[in-house]
């Protein structure tokens, strides 16, 4: 069975963006050391245009072959005129408001998101599924998330968009690894405790 991994950037106080969902303040922590880490461990999580700009276009996928994102995350690319932000992956967008996909590489999941994720997880394959965000989709899929990879940046937002927009429920995960960076960033990997 393939894993669903919520790979997300957040502030020290657990926000993935400001109240409007903008997380661009965290980008400044992607310095040379952090970029080397991304290239070695998670190259497929860099959007296609970023991969091209950084000379990473030829790097093979290391962990994922599929990406799922919410409408808000997808809209960030659409605002830039990009209809397939992860063209190097199979792309799914969870949305009840998009009636059709603006790109043949992007499939819209309009209903039964959990069922679709279970179907994707049941596929054979060596690569997993990258949950790109956002908060609402992560909250809806919380019970399906097998792994958390949290890139924590040394910022405090005070308020904003939480990692999970969900009702109260305890979900336990086990710390698998933690890596610190010279700029104060921390990448922690957790596996769901079942």
Protein backbone atom coordinates (compact mmCIF):
# COMPACT_ATOMS: atom_id res chain seq x y z
CA UNK A 1 0.00 0.00 0.00
CA UNK A 2 1.28 3.46 -0.92
CA UNK A 3 1.66 6.16 1.73
CA UNK A 4 -0.03 9.53 1.84
CA UNK A 5 2.50 12.07 3.11
CA UNK A 6 1.53 15.55 4.22
CA UNK A 7 4.69 17.47 3.34
CA UNK A 8 4.17 20.99 4.59
CA UNK A 9 5.95 24.19 5.63
CA UNK A 10 4.85 25.86 8.85
CA UNK A 11 5.75 28.49 11.39
CA UNK A 12 6.89 27.72 14.93
CA UNK A 13 3.30 28.20 16.06
CA UNK A 14 1.91 25.73 13.53
CA UNK A 15 0.58 27.98 10.78
CA UNK A 16 1.09 27.20 7.09
CA UNK A 17 0.31 30.77 6.09
CA UNK A 18 -1.06 34.06 7.26
CA UNK A 19 -4.83 34.46 7.80
CA UNK A 20 -5.27 34.62 4.01
CA UNK A 21 -3.16 31.49 3.49
CA UNK A 22 -0.03 33.25 2.18
CA UNK A 23 3.08 31.39 3.32
CA UNK A 24 5.58 33.31 1.19
CA UNK A 25 7.36 34.71 4.29
CA UNK A 26 8.88 31.22 4.72
CA UNK A 27 10.52 31.16 1.29
CA UNK A 28 13.52 33.16 2.50
CA UNK A 29 14.68 30.13 4.49
CA UNK A 30 15.28 28.11 1.33
CA UNK A 31 18.98 28.94 1.30
CA UNK A 32 21.85 26.99 -0.28
CA UNK A 33 21.95 24.35 2.47
CA UNK A 34 18.19 23.84 2.46
CA UNK A 35 18.05 23.73 -1.34
CA UNK A 36 20.74 21.02 -1.37
CA UNK A 37 18.52 19.03 1.03
CA UNK A 38 15.48 19.49 -1.22
CA UNK A 39 17.44 18.40 -4.29
CA UNK A 40 18.71 15.27 -2.53
CA UNK A 41 15.59 14.23 -0.63
CA UNK A 42 12.44 15.85 -2.07
CA UNK A 43 13.12 17.20 -5.59
CA UNK A 44 9.61 16.37 -6.82
CA UNK A 45 8.03 18.67 -4.22
CA UNK A 46 9.44 21.71 -6.00
CA UNK A 47 6.91 22.98 -8.57
CA UNK A 48 7.85 22.39 -12.20
CA UNK A 49 8.67 26.03 -12.96
CA UNK A 50 10.87 26.22 -9.86
CA UNK A 51 12.65 23.02 -10.85
CA UNK A 52 13.45 24.54 -14.25
CA UNK A 53 14.67 27.81 -12.75
CA UNK A 54 16.88 25.96 -10.24
CA UNK A 55 18.32 23.51 -12.78
CA UNK A 56 16.54 20.56 -11.14
CA UNK A 57 14.38 19.54 -14.09
CA UNK A 58 16.39 16.38 -14.73
CA UNK A 59 16.31 15.11 -11.14
CA UNK A 60 14.30 11.91 -10.75
CA UNK A 61 11.44 11.61 -8.29
CA UNK A 62 12.67 10.22 -4.98
CA UNK A 63 9.48 9.67 -2.96
CA UNK A 64 6.32 10.68 -4.81
CA UNK A 65 4.68 10.22 -8.22
CA UNK A 66 1.32 11.80 -7.33
CA UNK A 67 0.30 15.12 -5.78
CA UNK A 68 -3.00 16.17 -4.21
CA UNK A 69 -3.72 19.77 -3.41
CA UNK A 70 -6.70 21.87 -2.48
CA UNK A 71 -8.28 24.59 -4.54
CA UNK A 72 -6.57 27.37 -2.55
CA UNK A 73 -3.11 25.90 -3.17
CA UNK A 74 -3.92 25.31 -6.82
CA UNK A 75 -5.21 28.88 -7.20
CA UNK A 76 -1.74 30.20 -6.34
CA UNK A 77 -0.46 28.62 -9.56
CA UNK A 78 -3.52 29.59 -11.60
CA UNK A 79 -3.01 33.25 -10.63
CA UNK A 80 0.42 33.00 -12.27
CA UNK A 81 -1.08 31.43 -15.41
CA UNK A 82 0.25 27.96 -14.49
CA UNK A 83 -2.36 25.25 -15.00
CA UNK A 84 -0.08 22.29 -14.21
CA UNK A 85 2.20 23.32 -11.33
CA UNK A 86 3.52 19.77 -10.79
CA UNK A 87 3.70 18.57 -14.39
CA UNK A 88 6.33 15.97 -13.38
CA UNK A 89 3.71 14.23 -11.16
CA UNK A 90 0.13 12.97 -11.53
CA UNK A 91 -1.87 15.93 -10.32
CA UNK A 92 -5.17 15.96 -8.45
CA UNK A 93 -6.98 19.02 -7.14
CA UNK A 94 -9.72 18.66 -4.53
CA UNK A 95 -12.38 21.20 -5.39
CA UNK A 96 -16.13 21.45 -5.27
CA UNK A 97 -16.09 24.73 -7.20
CA UNK A 98 -13.95 23.89 -10.25
CA UNK A 99 -16.30 22.27 -12.73
CA UNK A 100 -13.62 21.18 -15.16
CA UNK A 101 -9.87 21.03 -15.20
CA UNK A 102 -8.00 23.80 -17.00
CA UNK A 103 -5.24 21.31 -17.87
CA UNK A 104 -5.29 17.72 -19.17
CA UNK A 105 -2.61 16.77 -16.60
CA UNK A 106 -4.81 17.86 -13.67
CA UNK A 107 -7.76 15.79 -12.48
CA UNK A 108 -10.39 17.45 -10.33
CA UNK A 109 -11.75 15.51 -7.34
CA UNK A 110 -15.18 17.06 -6.79
CA UNK A 111 -16.57 14.53 -4.32
CA UNK A 112 -15.48 11.58 -2.19
CA UNK A 113 -11.93 12.82 -1.66
CA UNK A 114 -11.30 10.12 0.95
CA UNK A 115 -12.46 7.40 -1.47
CA UNK A 116 -10.16 8.70 -4.20
CA UNK A 117 -7.20 8.81 -1.82
CA UNK A 118 -7.88 5.25 -0.70
CA UNK A 119 -8.00 4.20 -4.36
CA UNK A 120 -4.64 5.91 -5.02
CA UNK A 121 -3.09 4.37 -1.91
CA UNK A 122 -4.21 0.90 -3.03
CA UNK A 123 -2.31 1.18 -6.32
CA UNK A 124 0.90 -0.75 -6.78
CA UNK A 125 4.05 1.33 -6.98
CA UNK A 126 7.27 2.29 -5.29
CA UNK A 127 6.34 5.97 -4.87
CA UNK A 128 3.90 7.59 -2.49
CA UNK A 129 1.38 10.41 -2.65
CA UNK A 130 2.34 13.98 -1.79
CA UNK A 131 -0.36 15.96 0.00
CA UNK A 132 0.60 19.52 -0.85
CA UNK A 133 -2.12 21.28 1.10
CA UNK A 134 -3.98 23.08 2.13
CA UNK A 135 -5.45 23.18 5.55
CA UNK A 136 -9.00 22.13 4.68
CA UNK A 137 -7.91 19.19 2.51
CA UNK A 138 -5.44 18.05 5.19
CA UNK A 139 -8.21 18.21 7.78
CA UNK A 140 -10.51 16.14 5.59
CA UNK A 141 -7.77 13.57 4.97
CA UNK A 142 -6.32 13.47 8.49
CA UNK A 143 -7.29 9.82 9.06
CA UNK A 144 -5.67 8.83 5.74
CA UNK A 145 -2.32 10.55 6.36
CA UNK A 146 0.41 7.99 6.98
CA UNK A 147 3.34 10.35 7.34
CA UNK A 148 4.00 13.98 8.20
CA UNK A 149 7.07 15.79 6.92
CA UNK A 150 6.99 19.19 8.57
CA UNK A 151 9.38 21.93 7.51
CA UNK A 152 9.31 24.28 10.50
CA UNK A 153 10.73 27.74 9.94
CA UNK A 154 11.84 30.08 12.76
CA UNK A 155 8.89 32.45 12.43
CA UNK A 156 5.89 33.11 14.65
CA UNK A 157 2.74 34.18 12.82
CA UNK A 158 0.51 34.72 15.84
CA UNK A 159 -2.52 33.72 13.80
CA UNK A 160 -3.13 32.32 10.37
CA UNK A 161 -4.03 29.18 8.48
CA UNK A 162 -3.47 26.07 10.64
CA UNK A 163 -1.88 22.87 9.34
CA UNK A 164 -5.22 21.11 9.75
CA UNK A 165 -8.67 22.65 9.51
CA UNK A 166 -10.54 19.90 11.32
CA UNK A 167 -12.64 19.28 14.37
CA UNK A 168 -10.99 18.17 17.59
CA UNK A 169 -9.65 14.63 17.49
CA UNK A 170 -6.41 13.18 18.78
CA UNK A 171 -4.20 11.54 16.17
CA UNK A 172 -0.89 10.15 17.34
CA UNK A 173 2.29 10.07 15.29
CA UNK A 174 5.80 8.83 16.11
CA UNK A 175 8.90 10.91 15.44
CA UNK A 176 11.10 9.12 12.88
CA UNK A 177 13.74 11.76 12.21
CA UNK A 178 14.63 15.40 12.67
CA UNK A 179 17.16 17.49 10.80
CA UNK A 180 18.24 21.00 11.69
CA UNK A 181 19.67 23.64 9.38
CA UNK A 182 22.01 26.54 9.98
CA UNK A 183 19.26 29.06 9.26
CA UNK A 184 17.10 27.74 12.10
CA UNK A 185 14.82 25.57 9.97
CA UNK A 186 13.89 22.08 11.14
CA UNK A 187 12.52 19.19 9.10
CA UNK A 188 10.73 16.56 11.19
CA UNK A 189 9.32 13.30 9.88
CA UNK A 190 6.56 11.49 11.75
CA UNK A 191 4.80 8.19 11.04
CA UNK A 192 1.22 7.56 12.04
CA UNK A 193 0.98 5.38 15.12
CA UNK A 194 -1.51 2.64 14.27
